């Protein structure tokens, strides 16, 4: 018996496989483990719709806010700046400012401007509307994924379903409280706006309706704690959450939770300029259409930071900070379909899969030993090593194991042993032809290699395509198949070849081909 580089690599791979798969197999506290998917540990399955038409309304409102910010900075007098769902209208008091405003509007993409003397009418182009609605869906997917990642869920599935639907799968959601919290975090618009209180008319807010307020370019908003308290604020915000760069939970002097937020350079400049011009007035902090606070401005506020206080728990404050930090949704989302997968169903799936895996594994082992004798034992050693390596790689990368993924492992068992069947048959053929054991082994591996590589490479290509274009469940199948194919190249080809090379002298001396390869006669 002599060592060779193949057997050293094989032994090293087995040791690493056992070491890194142990936390998952033994459910140890330390070490990285394979995460079970929704179908194995239970959780929440949701199909969400996106109200894309609301995104165009938000885009119109954002353009109106930009015009107001620009005119304030340039000291341009704008009269009757108004907007509805599709159009922005305003006029200038000084005709000389028309060129300046027109140049500013020319830099904006996706808008159509009709100019009549000193009057302007703006609307989005058809292409911009389509682009905005598509962007709303893409942004919703990214925002929801960011929120769930920060929420602490392992491997949440967030993917586009069709043109305007979003599939969300959350493994590990087991209680009604966890489900409610996740749903609120997903659906929360988290739209932050700082809006100036209309001090001239605020005393009349309880005698006005929405139509009356709109005549003055105002809206009526409720207090988040007490809906009976109303605020009359200018409809065009001073700034919005698009200028937010960070949000975190903190505590006030009375140890009550609050949200600290920071603005980017543009937001800090706008915030500083506005507060400098509005000393003695109030600024409403509005989140999702509710006023959280409306403090008086005592002095110019620089630095671009602020706070949102309210009557919420520490957990609610954390979730609100996550929602703000991950960005506001451009358009509201709504629940179209919901299914809860119970842990007991997941346990049944695991049990059924393990029965299939162990049953198939045992039958393959028995067949290989009965038909190929010691060659079958060597192939079985490679097969066991292959399973350890698959689990180890999935654990290292924190991959999610789903039911299709377990099917992939079962399939890998057959594919891994298939390579050794081809190799053993080639060696047996060469022994029948009277070749020496050394030549039979070397030429057997050489002759079998082309067929094995062709089969593995074509399967690997198919797995890559499945992963690239498939959804969560199909991706899980593709991952396990890919890892299994690559692992079998190390175990079923490199490893078994090394074992034969190590035992070559012993095989030749025994001259018992039936014992080693199941060759009779």
Protein backbone atom coordinates (compact mmCIF):
# COMPACT_ATOMS: atom_id res chain seq x y z
CA UNK A 1 0.00 0.00 0.00
CA UNK A 2 1.34 3.40 -0.95
CA UNK A 3 -0.03 6.90 -0.59
CA UNK A 4 -0.61 9.15 -3.60
CA UNK A 5 -1.79 12.71 -4.09
CA UNK A 6 -5.30 11.55 -5.07
CA UNK A 7 -5.89 9.69 -1.82
CA UNK A 8 -4.50 12.65 0.17
CA UNK A 9 -6.93 15.08 -1.51
CA UNK A 10 -9.78 12.59 -1.02
CA UNK A 11 -9.02 12.11 2.68
CA UNK A 12 -8.72 15.88 3.17
CA UNK A 13 -12.12 16.41 1.47
CA UNK A 14 -13.75 13.77 3.72
CA UNK A 15 -12.35 15.35 6.89
CA UNK A 16 -13.55 18.82 5.85
CA UNK A 17 -16.92 17.39 4.82
CA UNK A 18 -17.48 15.70 8.18
CA UNK A 19 -16.23 18.74 10.13
CA UNK A 20 -18.42 21.34 8.38
CA UNK A 21 -21.52 19.15 8.05
CA UNK A 22 -21.48 18.11 11.75
CA UNK A 23 -23.28 21.29 13.02
CA UNK A 24 -26.18 20.59 10.64
CA UNK A 25 -26.35 16.84 11.20
CA UNK A 26 -25.99 17.03 15.00
CA UNK A 27 -27.79 20.39 15.38
CA UNK A 28 -24.87 21.87 17.31
CA UNK A 29 -25.06 25.41 18.69
CA UNK A 30 -21.73 26.46 17.19
CA UNK A 31 -20.82 26.50 13.53
CA UNK A 32 -22.62 27.30 10.31
CA UNK A 33 -25.67 25.21 9.49
CA UNK A 34 -27.92 24.53 6.53
CA UNK A 35 -31.07 26.63 6.68
CA UNK A 36 -34.33 24.77 6.13
CA UNK A 37 -36.69 26.28 3.58
CA UNK A 38 -40.34 27.17 3.91
CA UNK A 39 -41.57 23.71 2.90
CA UNK A 40 -39.39 21.99 5.50
CA UNK A 41 -39.69 24.14 8.62
CA UNK A 42 -42.96 25.94 7.95
CA UNK A 43 -43.54 29.64 7.45
CA UNK A 44 -45.49 32.17 5.44
CA UNK A 45 -46.22 32.30 1.70
CA UNK A 46 -47.64 35.56 0.30
CA UNK A 47 -48.46 36.91 -3.14
CA UNK A 48 -48.48 40.71 -3.21
CA UNK A 49 -49.83 43.18 -5.73
CA UNK A 50 -48.46 46.69 -6.37
CA UNK A 51 -50.69 49.73 -6.96
CA UNK A 52 -48.44 51.10 -9.67
CA UNK A 53 -50.77 54.02 -10.47
CA UNK A 54 -49.88 55.50 -7.08
CA UNK A 55 -46.23 55.67 -8.15
CA UNK A 56 -47.05 58.20 -10.89
CA UNK A 57 -48.90 60.35 -8.34
CA UNK A 58 -45.84 60.29 -6.08
CA UNK A 59 -43.63 61.21 -9.05
CA UNK A 60 -45.86 64.21 -9.84
CA UNK A 61 -45.71 65.31 -6.19
CA UNK A 62 -41.92 64.93 -6.14
CA UNK A 63 -41.57 67.12 -9.25
CA UNK A 64 -43.80 69.78 -7.66
CA UNK A 65 -41.59 69.72 -4.54
CA UNK A 66 -38.47 70.11 -6.70
CA UNK A 67 -39.99 73.15 -8.44
CA UNK A 68 -40.79 74.71 -5.08
CA UNK A 69 -37.28 74.05 -3.73
CA UNK A 70 -35.73 75.51 -6.88
CA UNK A 71 -37.90 78.65 -6.83
CA UNK A 72 -37.18 79.23 -3.13
CA UNK A 73 -33.42 78.94 -3.67
CA UNK A 74 -33.47 81.28 -6.67
CA UNK A 75 -35.95 83.72 -5.07
CA UNK A 76 -38.38 83.19 -7.95
CA UNK A 77 -41.94 84.21 -7.15
CA UNK A 78 -44.28 81.33 -8.06
CA UNK A 79 -48.03 81.79 -7.98
CA UNK A 80 -50.66 79.03 -7.53
CA UNK A 81 -48.37 75.99 -7.64
CA UNK A 82 -50.87 73.12 -7.76
CA UNK A 83 -50.90 69.49 -8.83
CA UNK A 84 -53.32 66.62 -9.25
CA UNK A 85 -52.84 62.97 -10.21
CA UNK A 86 -51.45 63.76 -13.68
CA UNK A 87 -50.62 67.46 -13.99
CA UNK A 88 -48.68 70.29 -12.31
CA UNK A 89 -49.68 73.89 -12.97
CA UNK A 90 -48.14 77.18 -11.83
CA UNK A 91 -47.41 80.70 -13.05
CA UNK A 92 -44.62 83.18 -12.47
CA UNK A 93 -45.13 86.73 -11.21
CA UNK A 94 -42.05 87.93 -13.08
CA UNK A 95 -41.93 87.12 -16.82
CA UNK A 96 -38.13 87.49 -16.76
CA UNK A 97 -37.91 84.28 -14.72
CA UNK A 98 -39.50 82.14 -17.46
CA UNK A 99 -36.15 81.33 -19.14
CA UNK A 100 -34.57 80.31 -15.84
CA UNK A 101 -37.45 77.99 -14.93
CA UNK A 102 -37.60 76.57 -18.46
CA UNK A 103 -33.88 75.74 -18.32
CA UNK A 104 -34.45 73.97 -14.99
CA UNK A 105 -37.35 71.95 -16.42
CA UNK A 106 -35.32 71.00 -19.51
CA UNK A 107 -32.90 69.14 -17.23
CA UNK A 108 -35.71 66.93 -15.91
CA UNK A 109 -36.30 63.68 -17.77
CA UNK A 110 -39.69 62.32 -18.71
CA UNK A 111 -41.86 65.45 -18.48
CA UNK A 112 -43.82 67.39 -21.08
CA UNK A 113 -44.09 71.14 -20.50
CA UNK A 114 -46.69 73.45 -22.05
CA UNK A 115 -45.70 77.10 -21.60
CA UNK A 116 -48.09 79.96 -22.27
CA UNK A 117 -46.44 83.31 -21.48
CA UNK A 118 -45.81 83.00 -17.73
CA UNK A 119 -48.03 79.94 -17.15
CA UNK A 120 -46.72 76.38 -17.01
CA UNK A 121 -48.49 73.02 -17.30
CA UNK A 122 -46.41 69.88 -16.73
CA UNK A 123 -47.23 66.19 -17.15
CA UNK A 124 -45.34 62.89 -17.44
CA UNK A 125 -44.69 61.39 -20.86
CA UNK A 126 -46.23 58.01 -21.68
CA UNK A 127 -42.77 56.43 -21.62
CA UNK A 128 -42.05 57.96 -18.20
CA UNK A 129 -45.31 56.60 -16.77
CA UNK A 130 -44.42 53.07 -17.93
CA UNK A 131 -40.88 53.48 -16.58
CA UNK A 132 -42.16 54.80 -13.24
CA UNK A 133 -44.60 51.92 -12.80
CA UNK A 134 -41.92 49.35 -13.64
CA UNK A 135 -39.51 51.06 -11.28
CA UNK A 136 -42.13 50.92 -8.52
CA UNK A 137 -42.26 47.12 -8.79
CA UNK A 138 -38.47 46.73 -8.96
CA UNK A 139 -38.03 49.09 -6.03
CA UNK A 140 -40.72 47.28 -4.00
CA UNK A 141 -38.91 43.95 -4.49
CA UNK A 142 -35.57 45.45 -3.44
CA UNK A 143 -37.06 47.35 -0.49
CA UNK A 144 -38.98 44.35 0.83
CA UNK A 145 -35.86 42.18 0.51
CA UNK A 146 -33.77 44.75 2.41
CA UNK A 147 -36.36 45.02 5.17
CA UNK A 148 -36.60 41.26 5.63
CA UNK A 149 -32.81 40.89 5.67
CA UNK A 150 -32.61 43.45 8.48
CA UNK A 151 -35.62 41.83 10.19
CA UNK A 152 -33.38 38.81 10.81
CA UNK A 153 -35.06 36.11 8.70
CA UNK A 154 -32.72 33.63 7.02
CA UNK A 155 -32.90 33.43 3.22
CA UNK A 156 -36.28 35.12 2.59
CA UNK A 157 -37.57 34.57 -0.95
CA UNK A 158 -38.66 37.81 -2.65
CA UNK A 159 -39.19 37.50 -6.39
CA UNK A 160 -41.26 38.92 -9.24
CA UNK A 161 -44.26 36.79 -10.19
CA UNK A 162 -45.59 37.71 -13.61
CA UNK A 163 -45.60 41.40 -14.52
CA UNK A 164 -46.97 43.16 -11.43
CA UNK A 165 -46.95 40.59 -8.61
CA UNK A 166 -44.37 39.84 -5.93
CA UNK A 167 -43.84 36.43 -4.33
CA UNK A 168 -42.67 36.47 -0.70
CA UNK A 169 -41.79 33.32 1.23
CA UNK A 170 -40.67 33.58 4.85
CA UNK A 171 -39.37 30.39 6.43
CA UNK A 172 -39.43 30.11 10.21
CA UNK A 173 -42.54 32.24 10.84
CA UNK A 174 -44.39 30.11 13.39
CA UNK A 175 -46.56 32.39 15.55
CA UNK A 176 -49.38 34.81 14.75
CA UNK A 177 -47.34 37.64 16.32
CA UNK A 178 -44.34 36.96 14.07
CA UNK A 179 -46.59 36.79 11.01
CA UNK A 180 -48.30 40.08 11.87
CA UNK A 181 -45.00 41.82 12.50
CA UNK A 182 -43.54 40.59 9.20
CA UNK A 183 -46.65 41.63 7.25
CA UNK A 184 -46.63 45.11 8.77
CA UNK A 185 -42.95 45.54 8.01
CA UNK A 186 -43.44 44.44 4.40
CA UNK A 187 -46.52 46.55 3.69
CA UNK A 188 -45.50 49.72 5.53
CA UNK A 189 -45.01 52.57 3.07
CA UNK A 190 -42.51 54.30 5.42
CA UNK A 191 -42.99 57.58 3.57
CA UNK A 192 -41.41 60.34 5.63
CA UNK A 193 -42.28 63.98 4.86
CA UNK A 194 -41.46 67.22 6.64
CA UNK A 195 -44.36 69.60 5.97
CA UNK A 196 -44.85 73.23 6.92
CA UNK A 197 -47.91 74.01 9.06
CA UNK A 198 -50.18 76.68 7.51
CA UNK A 199 -50.04 79.08 10.45
CA UNK A 200 -52.44 81.60 8.85
CA UNK A 201 -55.37 79.18 8.63
CA UNK A 202 -54.56 76.49 11.19
CA UNK A 203 -57.12 77.88 13.67
CA UNK A 204 -59.86 77.04 11.14
CA UNK A 205 -58.76 73.45 10.56
CA UNK A 206 -61.73 71.92 12.42
CA UNK A 207 -64.23 73.86 10.32
CA UNK A 208 -62.60 73.02 6.98
CA UNK A 209 -62.89 69.97 4.76
CA UNK A 210 -60.42 68.56 2.22
CA UNK A 211 -61.89 70.63 -0.63
CA UNK A 212 -61.58 73.86 1.37
CA UNK A 213 -57.97 73.01 2.27
CA UNK A 214 -57.09 72.24 -1.35
CA UNK A 215 -58.14 75.77 -2.37
CA UNK A 216 -55.16 77.07 -0.38
CA UNK A 217 -52.76 74.30 -1.47
CA UNK A 218 -53.13 72.57 1.91
CA UNK A 219 -54.10 69.13 3.24
CA UNK A 220 -55.63 68.13 6.57
CA UNK A 221 -53.74 65.41 8.45
CA UNK A 222 -54.53 63.58 11.69
CA UNK A 223 -52.32 63.22 14.73
CA UNK A 224 -50.92 59.67 15.06
CA UNK A 225 -51.88 59.43 18.75
CA UNK A 226 -55.22 61.23 18.69
CA UNK A 227 -57.21 61.31 15.41
CA UNK A 228 -59.36 64.11 16.85
CA UNK A 229 -56.36 66.44 16.60
CA UNK A 230 -56.04 67.88 13.09
CA UNK A 231 -53.20 69.72 11.37
CA UNK A 232 -53.42 72.00 8.34
CA UNK A 233 -50.18 71.67 6.39
CA UNK A 234 -48.95 72.78 2.97
CA UNK A 235 -49.47 69.90 0.53
CA UNK A 236 -46.04 70.23 -1.07
CA UNK A 237 -43.55 68.94 1.53
CA UNK A 238 -40.41 70.80 2.54
CA UNK A 239 -38.54 67.56 1.91
CA UNK A 240 -39.28 63.83 1.85
CA UNK A 241 -37.75 60.46 2.66
CA UNK A 242 -35.83 60.31 -0.63
CA UNK A 243 -33.25 62.52 1.07
CA UNK A 244 -32.98 60.19 4.09
CA UNK A 245 -29.59 58.46 4.51
CA UNK A 246 -29.99 56.70 7.86
CA UNK A 247 -32.49 55.93 10.60
CA UNK A 248 -31.94 54.26 13.95
CA UNK A 249 -33.78 53.69 17.20
CA UNK A 250 -32.85 55.77 20.23
CA UNK A 251 -34.31 56.97 23.52
CA UNK A 252 -35.32 60.40 24.77
CA UNK A 253 -34.53 61.88 28.21
CA UNK A 254 -37.48 59.94 29.67
CA UNK A 255 -36.15 56.65 28.22
CA UNK A 256 -38.97 56.46 25.66
CA UNK A 257 -38.18 55.01 22.19
CA UNK A 258 -37.74 57.44 19.30
CA UNK A 259 -36.30 57.43 15.78
CA UNK A 260 -33.17 59.39 14.91
CA UNK A 261 -32.79 60.19 11.21
CA UNK A 262 -30.15 61.82 9.02
CA UNK A 263 -30.50 63.62 5.68
CA UNK A 264 -28.15 63.81 2.72
CA UNK A 265 -26.30 67.01 1.78
CA UNK A 266 -29.16 68.34 -0.37
CA UNK A 267 -31.74 67.55 2.31
CA UNK A 268 -29.59 69.15 5.02
CA UNK A 269 -29.26 72.33 2.93
CA UNK A 270 -33.02 72.53 2.26
CA UNK A 271 -33.79 71.77 5.92
CA UNK A 272 -31.36 74.43 7.13
CA UNK A 273 -32.65 77.09 4.72
CA UNK A 274 -36.29 76.41 5.57
CA UNK A 275 -35.83 76.45 9.34
CA UNK A 276 -33.75 79.62 9.04
CA UNK A 277 -36.62 81.40 7.25
CA UNK A 278 -39.36 79.90 9.44
CA UNK A 279 -38.31 80.69 13.01
CA UNK A 280 -41.43 80.86 15.22
CA UNK A 281 -43.44 78.60 12.92
CA UNK A 282 -44.12 74.87 13.15
CA UNK A 283 -42.82 71.97 11.09
CA UNK A 284 -44.87 68.76 11.00
CA UNK A 285 -43.05 65.41 10.96
CA UNK A 286 -45.36 63.24 8.84
CA UNK A 287 -44.98 59.49 8.40
CA UNK A 288 -47.38 57.60 6.12
CA UNK A 289 -49.89 60.44 6.21
CA UNK A 290 -49.98 60.79 10.02
CA UNK A 291 -48.44 63.66 12.01
CA UNK A 292 -46.06 62.32 14.65
CA UNK A 293 -45.04 65.72 15.97
CA UNK A 294 -45.22 69.38 14.99
CA UNK A 295 -42.54 71.22 16.98
CA UNK A 296 -41.93 74.96 16.90
CA UNK A 297 -38.84 76.13 15.05
CA UNK A 298 -36.81 78.16 17.54
CA UNK A 299 -33.69 78.62 15.42
CA UNK A 300 -32.03 77.51 12.23
CA UNK A 301 -31.39 73.73 12.37
CA UNK A 302 -28.22 72.65 10.59
CA UNK A 303 -26.51 69.27 10.35
CA UNK A 304 -29.36 67.53 8.54
CA UNK A 305 -30.61 65.38 11.41
CA UNK A 306 -33.88 65.10 13.31
CA UNK A 307 -36.07 62.88 15.46
CA UNK A 308 -39.46 61.20 15.25
CA UNK A 309 -41.13 60.64 18.61
CA UNK A 310 -44.32 58.71 19.23
CA UNK A 311 -46.04 56.29 21.56
CA UNK A 312 -44.62 52.98 20.36
CA UNK A 313 -42.76 50.04 21.87
CA UNK A 314 -39.07 49.26 21.42
CA UNK A 315 -39.94 46.55 18.86
CA UNK A 316 -42.17 48.93 16.89
CA UNK A 317 -39.43 51.59 16.95
CA UNK A 318 -36.89 49.06 15.64
CA UNK A 319 -39.20 47.97 12.81
CA UNK A 320 -39.97 51.60 11.92
CA UNK A 321 -36.24 52.37 11.76
CA UNK A 322 -35.74 49.35 9.49
CA UNK A 323 -38.56 50.51 7.20
CA UNK A 324 -37.15 54.06 6.99
CA UNK A 325 -33.58 52.87 6.51
CA UNK A 326 -34.50 50.48 3.70
CA UNK A 327 -36.42 53.18 1.84
CA UNK A 328 -40.05 54.12 1.24
CA UNK A 329 -42.20 52.16 -1.17
CA UNK A 330 -42.92 54.14 -4.34
CA UNK A 331 -46.37 52.54 -4.53
CA UNK A 332 -48.56 50.80 -1.94
CA UNK A 333 -48.69 47.00 -1.95
CA UNK A 334 -51.66 44.80 -1.09
CA UNK A 335 -52.07 41.15 -0.15
CA UNK A 336 -53.51 38.99 -2.94
CA UNK A 337 -52.89 35.54 -1.48
CA UNK A 338 -51.59 34.14 1.80
CA UNK A 339 -50.78 30.60 2.86
CA UNK A 340 -49.29 29.47 6.15
CA UNK A 341 -47.21 26.29 6.13
CA UNK A 342 -47.25 24.70 9.57
CA UNK A 343 -44.13 23.19 11.18
CA UNK A 344 -45.87 19.79 11.35
CA UNK A 345 -46.27 19.75 7.54
CA UNK A 346 -42.59 20.65 7.22
CA UNK A 347 -41.66 17.82 9.62
CA UNK A 348 -43.70 15.36 7.52
CA UNK A 349 -41.85 16.56 4.40
CA UNK A 350 -38.48 16.05 6.08
CA UNK A 351 -39.47 12.56 7.25
CA UNK A 352 -40.72 11.52 3.81
CA UNK A 353 -37.58 12.92 2.15
CA UNK A 354 -35.29 11.19 4.62
CA UNK A 355 -37.09 7.88 4.03
CA UNK A 356 -36.57 8.33 0.27
CA UNK A 357 -32.92 9.36 0.72
CA UNK A 358 -32.00 6.60 3.19
CA UNK A 359 -34.02 3.96 1.34
CA UNK A 360 -32.45 4.81 -2.00
CA UNK A 361 -29.01 5.07 -0.41
CA UNK A 362 -29.25 1.63 1.22
CA UNK A 363 -30.52 -0.03 -1.98
CA UNK A 364 -27.67 1.51 -3.99
CA UNK A 365 -25.10 0.37 -1.40
CA UNK A 366 -26.46 -3.20 -1.38
CA UNK A 367 -26.50 -3.39 -5.18
CA UNK A 368 -22.94 -2.10 -5.52
CA UNK A 369 -21.57 -4.55 -2.92
CA UNK A 370 -23.44 -7.55 -4.33
CA UNK A 371 -22.59 -6.85 -7.96
CA UNK A 372 -19.11 -5.29 -7.80
CA UNK A 373 -17.82 -6.70 -4.47
CA UNK A 374 -14.86 -4.60 -3.17
CA UNK A 375 -15.16 -2.17 -6.09
CA UNK A 376 -18.70 -1.58 -4.88
CA UNK A 377 -17.45 -0.96 -1.33
CA UNK A 378 -14.97 1.62 -2.66
CA UNK A 379 -17.75 3.28 -4.67
CA UNK A 380 -19.93 3.37 -1.52
CA UNK A 381 -17.14 5.07 0.44
CA UNK A 382 -17.05 7.75 -2.28
CA UNK A 383 -20.85 8.01 -2.14
CA UNK A 384 -20.87 8.61 1.63
CA UNK A 385 -18.09 11.18 1.27
CA UNK A 386 -20.12 12.88 -1.47
CA UNK A 387 -23.09 13.40 0.89
CA UNK A 388 -20.85 14.87 3.61
CA UNK A 389 -19.25 17.29 1.13
CA UNK A 390 -22.66 18.44 -0.20
CA UNK A 391 -23.89 19.23 3.32
CA UNK A 392 -20.58 20.88 4.22
CA UNK A 393 -20.62 23.22 1.21
CA UNK A 394 -24.26 24.14 1.79
CA UNK A 395 -23.52 24.83 5.47
CA UNK A 396 -20.50 27.00 4.68
CA UNK A 397 -22.50 29.21 2.34
CA UNK A 398 -25.60 29.24 4.55
CA UNK A 399 -27.66 27.76 1.71
CA UNK A 400 -31.34 27.03 2.17
CA UNK A 401 -32.40 23.41 1.85
CA UNK A 402 -35.88 23.00 0.36
CA UNK A 403 -37.92 19.94 -0.56
CA UNK A 404 -36.76 20.12 -4.21
CA UNK A 405 -33.23 20.49 -2.80
CA UNK A 406 -33.61 17.21 -0.94
CA UNK A 407 -34.86 15.67 -4.19
CA UNK A 408 -31.66 16.96 -5.75
CA UNK A 409 -29.60 15.18 -3.09
CA UNK A 410 -31.49 11.92 -3.73
CA UNK A 411 -30.82 12.30 -7.46
CA UNK A 412 -27.16 13.07 -6.74
CA UNK A 413 -26.81 9.69 -5.01
CA UNK A 414 -27.69 7.95 -8.26
CA UNK A 415 -25.53 10.27 -10.37
CA UNK A 416 -22.49 9.88 -8.11
CA UNK A 417 -22.58 6.09 -8.13
CA UNK A 418 -23.23 6.09 -11.90
CA UNK A 419 -19.67 7.31 -12.53
CA UNK A 420 -18.23 4.38 -10.57
CA UNK A 421 -20.48 1.93 -12.42
CA UNK A 422 -19.01 3.15 -15.72
CA UNK A 423 -15.45 3.00 -14.35
CA UNK A 424 -15.92 -0.50 -12.86
CA UNK A 425 -17.37 -1.81 -16.11
CA UNK A 426 -14.44 -0.40 -18.12
CA UNK A 427 -11.93 -2.02 -15.71
CA UNK A 428 -13.76 -5.37 -15.91
CA UNK A 429 -13.72 -5.26 -19.73
CA UNK A 430 -9.97 -4.63 -19.77
CA UNK A 431 -9.33 -7.42 -17.25
CA UNK A 432 -11.35 -9.81 -19.47
CA UNK A 433 -9.09 -8.78 -22.37
CA UNK A 434 -6.06 -9.93 -20.35
CA UNK A 435 -4.64 -6.52 -19.46
CA UNK A 436 -2.50 -6.19 -16.35
CA UNK A 437 -4.22 -4.76 -13.29
CA UNK A 438 -2.22 -1.50 -13.53
CA UNK A 439 -3.19 -0.98 -17.17
CA UNK A 440 -6.79 -2.04 -16.56
CA UNK A 441 -7.20 0.56 -13.79
CA UNK A 442 -5.46 3.42 -15.62
CA UNK A 443 -7.08 2.76 -19.01
CA UNK A 444 -10.42 2.09 -17.32
CA UNK A 445 -10.43 5.57 -15.79
CA UNK A 446 -9.11 7.11 -19.01
CA UNK A 447 -11.79 5.45 -21.17
CA UNK A 448 -14.61 6.23 -18.76
CA UNK A 449 -13.62 9.85 -18.24
CA UNK A 450 -15.07 11.20 -21.50
CA UNK A 451 -18.53 9.74 -20.89
CA UNK A 452 -18.52 10.88 -17.24
CA UNK A 453 -17.40 14.43 -18.09
CA UNK A 454 -19.96 14.73 -20.91
CA UNK A 455 -22.79 13.66 -18.59
CA UNK A 456 -21.67 15.87 -15.69
CA UNK A 457 -21.00 18.99 -17.77
CA UNK A 458 -24.34 18.83 -19.60
CA UNK A 459 -26.17 18.33 -16.28
CA UNK A 460 -24.21 21.21 -14.73
CA UNK A 461 -25.16 23.51 -17.63
CA UNK A 462 -28.82 22.60 -17.16
CA UNK A 463 -28.52 23.29 -13.41
CA UNK A 464 -26.98 26.73 -14.06
CA UNK A 465 -29.84 27.61 -16.41
CA UNK A 466 -32.38 26.43 -13.83
CA UNK A 467 -30.74 28.59 -11.18
CA UNK A 468 -30.56 31.65 -13.44
CA UNK A 469 -34.19 31.56 -14.58
CA UNK A 470 -35.96 29.55 -11.88
CA UNK A 471 -37.78 30.66 -8.73
CA UNK A 472 -36.88 29.77 -5.14
CA UNK A 473 -37.80 26.06 -5.17
CA UNK A 474 -36.15 25.39 -8.54
CA UNK A 475 -33.06 27.31 -7.44
CA UNK A 476 -32.75 24.99 -4.43
CA UNK A 477 -32.85 21.94 -6.70
CA UNK A 478 -30.26 23.49 -9.04
CA UNK A 479 -27.90 24.34 -6.17
CA UNK A 480 -27.87 20.84 -4.67
CA UNK A 481 -27.45 19.19 -8.08
CA UNK A 482 -24.54 21.53 -8.93
CA UNK A 483 -22.76 20.93 -5.62
CA UNK A 484 -23.38 17.17 -5.96
CA UNK A 485 -21.88 17.05 -9.47
CA UNK A 486 -18.75 18.96 -8.43
CA UNK A 487 -18.40 16.86 -5.26
CA UNK A 488 -18.70 13.63 -7.27
CA UNK A 489 -15.79 14.73 -9.45
CA UNK A 490 -13.66 14.72 -6.30
CA UNK A 491 -15.07 11.57 -4.70
CA UNK A 492 -16.27 9.25 -7.46
CA UNK A 493 -13.40 9.96 -9.84
CA UNK A 494 -10.37 11.41 -8.03
CA UNK A 495 -10.99 9.61 -4.71
CA UNK A 496 -11.71 6.10 -5.97
CA UNK A 497 -8.81 6.33 -8.45
CA UNK A 498 -6.51 7.13 -5.54
CA UNK A 499 -7.83 4.16 -3.53
CA UNK A 500 -7.20 1.78 -6.45
CA UNK A 501 -3.69 3.15 -6.91
CA UNK A 502 -3.02 2.66 -3.20
CA UNK A 503 -4.33 -0.94 -3.27
CA UNK A 504 -2.95 -1.83 -6.72
CA UNK A 505 -0.10 -4.06 -5.49
CA UNK A 506 -2.42 -5.92 -3.11
CA UNK A 507 -4.99 -6.49 -5.87
CA UNK A 508 -2.33 -7.92 -8.22
CA UNK A 509 -0.91 -10.26 -5.57
CA UNK A 510 -4.32 -11.62 -4.56
CA UNK A 511 -5.27 -12.51 -8.16
CA UNK A 512 -8.86 -12.70 -6.93
CA UNK A 513 -10.72 -10.63 -9.53
CA UNK A 514 -14.08 -11.89 -8.28
CA UNK A 515 -13.42 -10.49 -4.81
CA UNK A 516 -12.19 -7.11 -6.06
CA UNK A 517 -14.41 -6.49 -9.11
CA UNK A 518 -17.06 -9.23 -9.10
CA UNK A 519 -15.49 -10.91 -12.16
CA UNK A 520 -16.39 -14.60 -12.24
CA UNK A 521 -14.25 -17.18 -13.87
